[in-house]
Amino acid sequence: MAKQGGGPPELLSTHPAQASRIEDLKVYAQRVMPLYESARTR
C-alpha cells in the first residue's frame, strides 16, 4: 500500500492516505485481537 504516492491531500480525498490507513489497521488489529483469541478458545 505505501508504495503508491501522489494524489490529493488526505483532507480532500475520499479515502485516507496510505500511511494513515496502515497505522489505523495496526491500531484496530491490536484492539480486536483479544476478542479473536477469546472466540477461538471457545
PDB file of N, CA and C in Angstrom:
ATOM      1  N   MET A   1       0.809  -1.200   0.000  1.00  0.00           N
ATOM      2  CA  MET A   1       0.000   0.000   0.000  1.00  0.00           C
ATOM      3  C   MET A   1       0.853   1.265   0.000  1.00  0.00           C
ATOM      4  N   ALA A   2       1.922   1.279   0.765  1.00  0.00           N
ATOM      5  CA  ALA A   2       2.693   2.503   0.943  1.00  0.00           C
ATOM      6  C   ALA A   2       3.509   2.882  -0.286  1.00  0.00           C
ATOM      7  N   LYS A   3       3.629   2.013  -1.258  1.00  0.00           N
ATOM      8  CA  LYS A   3       4.438   2.309  -2.437  1.00  0.00           C
ATOM      9  C   LYS A   3       3.759   3.290  -3.378  1.00  0.00           C
ATOM     10  N   GLN A   4       2.444   3.420  -3.294  1.00  0.00           N
ATOM     11  CA  GLN A   4       1.741   4.354  -4.165  1.00  0.00           C
ATOM     12  C   GLN A   4       1.890   5.752  -3.588  1.00  0.00           C
ATOM     13  N   GLY A   5       2.035   6.722  -4.460  1.00  0.00           N
ATOM     14  CA  GLY A   5       2.200   8.090  -3.980  1.00  0.00           C
ATOM     15  C   GLY A   5       1.342   9.045  -4.767  1.00  0.00           C
ATOM     16  N   GLY A   6       1.490  10.303  -4.468  1.00  0.00           N
ATOM     17  CA  GLY A   6       0.750  11.331  -5.183  1.00  0.00           C
ATOM     18  C   GLY A   6      -0.674  11.440  -4.684  1.00  0.00           C
ATOM     19  N   GLY A   7      -1.509  12.057  -5.472  1.00  0.00           N
ATOM     20  CA  GLY A   7      -2.903  12.214  -5.103  1.00  0.00           C
ATOM     21  C   GLY A   7      -3.132  13.470  -4.307  1.00  0.00           C
ATOM     22  N   PRO A   8      -4.399  13.748  -4.025  1.00  0.00           N
ATOM     23  CA  PRO A   8      -4.744  14.959  -3.284  1.00  0.00           C
ATOM     24  C   PRO A   8      -4.392  14.822  -1.802  1.00  0.00           C
ATOM     25  N   PRO A   9      -4.363  15.940  -1.086  1.00  0.00           N
ATOM     26  CA  PRO A   9      -4.153  15.874   0.360  1.00  0.00           C
ATOM     27  C   PRO A   9      -5.256  15.023   1.006  1.00  0.00           C
ATOM     28  N   GLU A  10      -4.934  14.385   2.111  1.00  0.00           N
ATOM     29  CA  GLU A  10      -5.894  13.486   2.763  1.00  0.00           C
ATOM     30  C   GLU A  10      -7.214  14.193   3.072  1.00  0.00           C
ATOM     31  N   LEU A  11      -7.150  15.449   3.448  1.00  0.00           N
ATOM     32  CA  LEU A  11      -8.356  16.206   3.786  1.00  0.00           C
ATOM     33  C   LEU A  11      -9.325  16.284   2.606  1.00  0.00           C
ATOM     34  N   LEU A  12      -8.804  16.350   1.390  1.00  0.00           N
ATOM     35  CA  LEU A  12      -9.647  16.491   0.204  1.00  0.00           C
ATOM     36  C   LEU A  12      -9.932  15.150  -0.473  1.00  0.00           C
ATOM     37  N   SER A  13      -9.367  14.090   0.016  1.00  0.00           N
ATOM     38  CA  SER A  13      -9.506  12.781  -0.608  1.00  0.00           C
ATOM     39  C   SER A  13     -10.743  12.060  -0.088  1.00  0.00           C
ATOM     40  N   THR A  14     -11.248  11.125  -0.881  1.00  0.00           N
ATOM     41  CA  THR A  14     -12.370  10.304  -0.450  1.00  0.00           C
ATOM     42  C   THR A  14     -11.894   9.096   0.344  1.00  0.00           C
ATOM     43  N   HIS A  15     -10.597   8.847   0.374  1.00  0.00           N
ATOM     44  CA  HIS A  15     -10.003   7.738   1.121  1.00  0.00           C
ATOM     45  C   HIS A  15      -8.854   8.274   1.965  1.00  0.00           C
ATOM     46  N   PRO A  16      -8.559   7.583   3.082  1.00  0.00           N
ATOM     47  CA  PRO A  16      -7.420   8.043   3.899  1.00  0.00           C
ATOM     48  C   PRO A  16      -6.099   7.840   3.171  1.00  0.00           C
ATOM     49  N   ALA A  17      -5.103   8.610   3.562  1.00  0.00           N
ATOM     50  CA  ALA A  17      -3.766   8.454   2.990  1.00  0.00           C
ATOM     51  C   ALA A  17      -3.247   7.063   3.334  1.00  0.00           C
ATOM     52  N   GLN A  18      -2.349   6.549   2.508  1.00  0.00           N
ATOM     53  CA  GLN A  18      -1.834   5.198   2.706  1.00  0.00           C
ATOM     54  C   GLN A  18      -1.199   5.028   4.080  1.00  0.00           C
ATOM     55  N   ALA A  19      -0.396   5.994   4.509  1.00  0.00           N
ATOM     56  CA  ALA A  19       0.259   5.893   5.811  1.00  0.00           C
ATOM     57  C   ALA A  19      -0.777   5.887   6.935  1.00  0.00           C
ATOM     58  N   SER A  20      -1.802   6.714   6.824  1.00  0.00           N
ATOM     59  CA  SER A  20      -2.856   6.750   7.839  1.00  0.00           C
ATOM     60  C   SER A  20      -3.617   5.436   7.871  1.00  0.00           C
ATOM     61  N   ARG A  21      -3.891   4.898   6.714  1.00  0.00           N
ATOM     62  CA  ARG A  21      -4.627   3.634   6.627  1.00  0.00           C
ATOM     63  C   ARG A  21      -3.839   2.510   7.290  1.00  0.00           C
ATOM     64  N   ILE A  22      -2.551   2.440   7.044  1.00  0.00           N
ATOM     65  CA  ILE A  22      -1.712   1.393   7.632  1.00  0.00           C
ATOM     66  C   ILE A  22      -1.692   1.531   9.155  1.00  0.00           C
ATOM     67  N   GLU A  23      -1.507   2.751   9.657  1.00  0.00           N
ATOM     68  CA  GLU A  23      -1.482   2.968  11.106  1.00  0.00           C
ATOM     69  C   GLU A  23      -2.825   2.622  11.736  1.00  0.00           C
ATOM     70  N   ASP A  24      -3.919   3.008  11.079  1.00  0.00           N
ATOM     71  CA  ASP A  24      -5.247   2.679  11.599  1.00  0.00           C
ATOM     72  C   ASP A  24      -5.443   1.164  11.678  1.00  0.00           C
ATOM     73  N   LEU A  25      -5.017   0.447  10.652  1.00  0.00           N
ATOM     74  CA  LEU A  25      -5.161  -1.012  10.656  1.00  0.00           C
ATOM     75  C   LEU A  25      -4.354  -1.658  11.776  1.00  0.00           C
ATOM     76  N   LYS A  26      -3.185  -1.132  12.060  1.00  0.00           N
ATOM     77  CA  LYS A  26      -2.376  -1.660  13.167  1.00  0.00           C
ATOM     78  C   LYS A  26      -3.100  -1.472  14.498  1.00  0.00           C
ATOM     79  N   VAL A  27      -3.669  -0.283  14.695  1.00  0.00           N
ATOM     80  CA  VAL A  27      -4.386   0.005  15.938  1.00  0.00           C
ATOM     81  C   VAL A  27      -5.612  -0.891  16.061  1.00  0.00           C
ATOM     82  N   TYR A  28      -6.380  -1.016  14.984  1.00  0.00           N
ATOM     83  CA  TYR A  28      -7.586  -1.850  15.029  1.00  0.00           C
ATOM     84  C   TYR A  28      -7.250  -3.312  15.267  1.00  0.00           C
ATOM     85  N   ALA A  29      -6.172  -3.785  14.682  1.00  0.00           N
ATOM     86  CA  ALA A  29      -5.762  -5.180  14.877  1.00  0.00           C
ATOM     87  C   ALA A  29      -5.443  -5.434  16.348  1.00  0.00           C
ATOM     88  N   GLN A  30      -4.772  -4.504  17.004  1.00  0.00           N
ATOM     89  CA  GLN A  30      -4.456  -4.657  18.423  1.00  0.00           C
ATOM     90  C   GLN A  30      -5.721  -4.658  19.279  1.00  0.00           C
ATOM     91  N   ARG A  31      -6.713  -3.902  18.864  1.00  0.00           N
ATOM     92  CA  ARG A  31      -7.955  -3.821  19.641  1.00  0.00           C
ATOM     93  C   ARG A  31      -8.802  -5.077  19.515  1.00  0.00           C
ATOM     94  N   VAL A  32      -8.815  -5.696  18.347  1.00  0.00           N
ATOM     95  CA  VAL A  32      -9.694  -6.846  18.150  1.00  0.00           C
ATOM     96  C   VAL A  32      -9.021  -8.188  18.407  1.00  0.00           C
ATOM     97  N   MET A  33      -7.703  -8.222  18.504  1.00  0.00           N
ATOM     98  CA  MET A  33      -7.012  -9.493  18.726  1.00  0.00           C
ATOM     99  C   MET A  33      -7.483 -10.208  19.992  1.00  0.00           C
ATOM    100  N   PRO A  34      -7.664  -9.512  21.125  1.00  0.00           N
ATOM    101  CA  PRO A  34      -8.180 -10.218  22.306  1.00  0.00           C
ATOM    102  C   PRO A  34      -9.564 -10.843  22.065  1.00  0.00           C
ATOM    103  N   LEU A  35     -10.399 -10.167  21.317  1.00  0.00           N
ATOM    104  CA  LEU A  35     -11.732 -10.722  21.001  1.00  0.00           C
ATOM    105  C   LEU A  35     -11.600 -11.962  20.136  1.00  0.00           C
ATOM    106  N   TYR A  36     -10.714 -11.907  19.164  1.00  0.00           N
ATOM    107  CA  TYR A  36     -10.481 -13.048  18.290  1.00  0.00           C
ATOM    108  C   TYR A  36      -9.940 -14.241  19.075  1.00  0.00           C
ATOM    109  N   GLU A  37      -8.948 -13.987  19.930  1.00  0.00           N
ATOM    110  CA  GLU A  37      -8.384 -15.068  20.736  1.00  0.00           C
ATOM    111  C   GLU A  37      -9.415 -15.670  21.667  1.00  0.00           C
ATOM    112  N   SER A  38     -10.249 -14.846  22.256  1.00  0.00           N
ATOM    113  CA  SER A  38     -11.299 -15.320  23.150  1.00  0.00           C
ATOM    114  C   SER A  38     -12.300 -16.207  22.407  1.00  0.00           C
ATOM    115  N   ALA A  39     -12.709 -15.779  21.232  1.00  0.00           N
ATOM    116  CA  ALA A  39     -13.666 -16.551  20.445  1.00  0.00           C
ATOM    117  C   ALA A  39     -13.040 -17.856  19.947  1.00  0.00           C
ATOM    118  N   ARG A  40     -11.772 -17.844  19.663  1.00  0.00           N
ATOM    119  CA  ARG A  40     -11.091 -19.022  19.144  1.00  0.00           C
ATOM    120  C   ARG A  40     -10.971 -20.126  20.200  1.00  0.00           C
ATOM    121  N   THR A  41     -10.870 -19.747  21.476  1.00  0.00           N
ATOM    122  CA  THR A  41     -10.689 -20.736  22.530  1.00  0.00           C
ATOM    123  C   THR A  41     -11.999 -21.327  23.025  1.00  0.00           C
ATOM    124  N   ARG A  42     -13.097 -20.841  22.548  1.00  0.00           N
ATOM    125  CA  ARG A  42     -14.398 -21.368  22.999  1.00  0.00           C
ATOM    126  C   ARG A  42     -14.749 -22.642  22.300  1.00  0.00           C
TER     127      ARG A  42
END
